[in-house]
Amino acid sequence: IKNTGFVYGGEVLRLFHGNMDQCITLPQPGVSEHPYSIFYETGSVCNHARSLWRLEYLRTRWYGAFMGWNAFVRLRHITSGRYLGVINGELSVIHKDKADADAITFILTPTKDEKRSTEAESDDNMGKPVIKYGDTLVYLQHVKSNCWLSYQTYETKKRGVGKIEEKKATLHAEGHMDDCFTIVRAQDEEARSALVIRKCMS
């Protein structure tokens, strides 16, 4: 029986920046000139379908095994169907046809200080429940580049609002001290609605 308090493969979830109220998401459709770039946003977007992701093991017989440290994973954006990854040197969400393993493979680590080990969980092992929803802080490292999922802050103008500060997700060799994330599980109804949105968009 699954302990639903812990993260396992195939779950639909949100990634919140540390203990703050910002989650990583694609911009609202038709608003940004970078529709496939990832941003840290706060407010009502944290309840919208565009902030939902599916965390998947890259290779395993047990699709729903518990997520462990240093295992090879990928993140699929639910409403676009694209994978978080690197294309042409930029962090973006990538169409599945271009989403090769080098581009989209990440690992979850509890700290930036540990040296990466080989993939932690055996193919024939359901793993141990170690990453807890809403509690465990995780860092995301891109395997091919060894860079961390981080952010870049810049100022931009928004129509009707004026100058605002935005945080764009990026990969960085060192990043910031607060690059960690908290994982929050989506409600079943949210996950189903997001899949319907993706089918309608496609």
Foldseek 3Di string as FASTA:
>chain_A
DDDVQFAWAFFKWWWAQFLDQWTKFADDPPADPQRFFIWTDHDPCNVALRRIKGKFQPDAPDGGATADFLGKIWIAGLQQRFTFFADPRWTGTHDPVPDDSLTTIKGKHQDPPDDHDHHDDDRPDSDDRDAGAPPGKIWIARVNVRWTWAWDWDWDQDPPPGIDIIITITTHNVHDPRRIIGIHGDDPVSSVVSNVSNVVVD
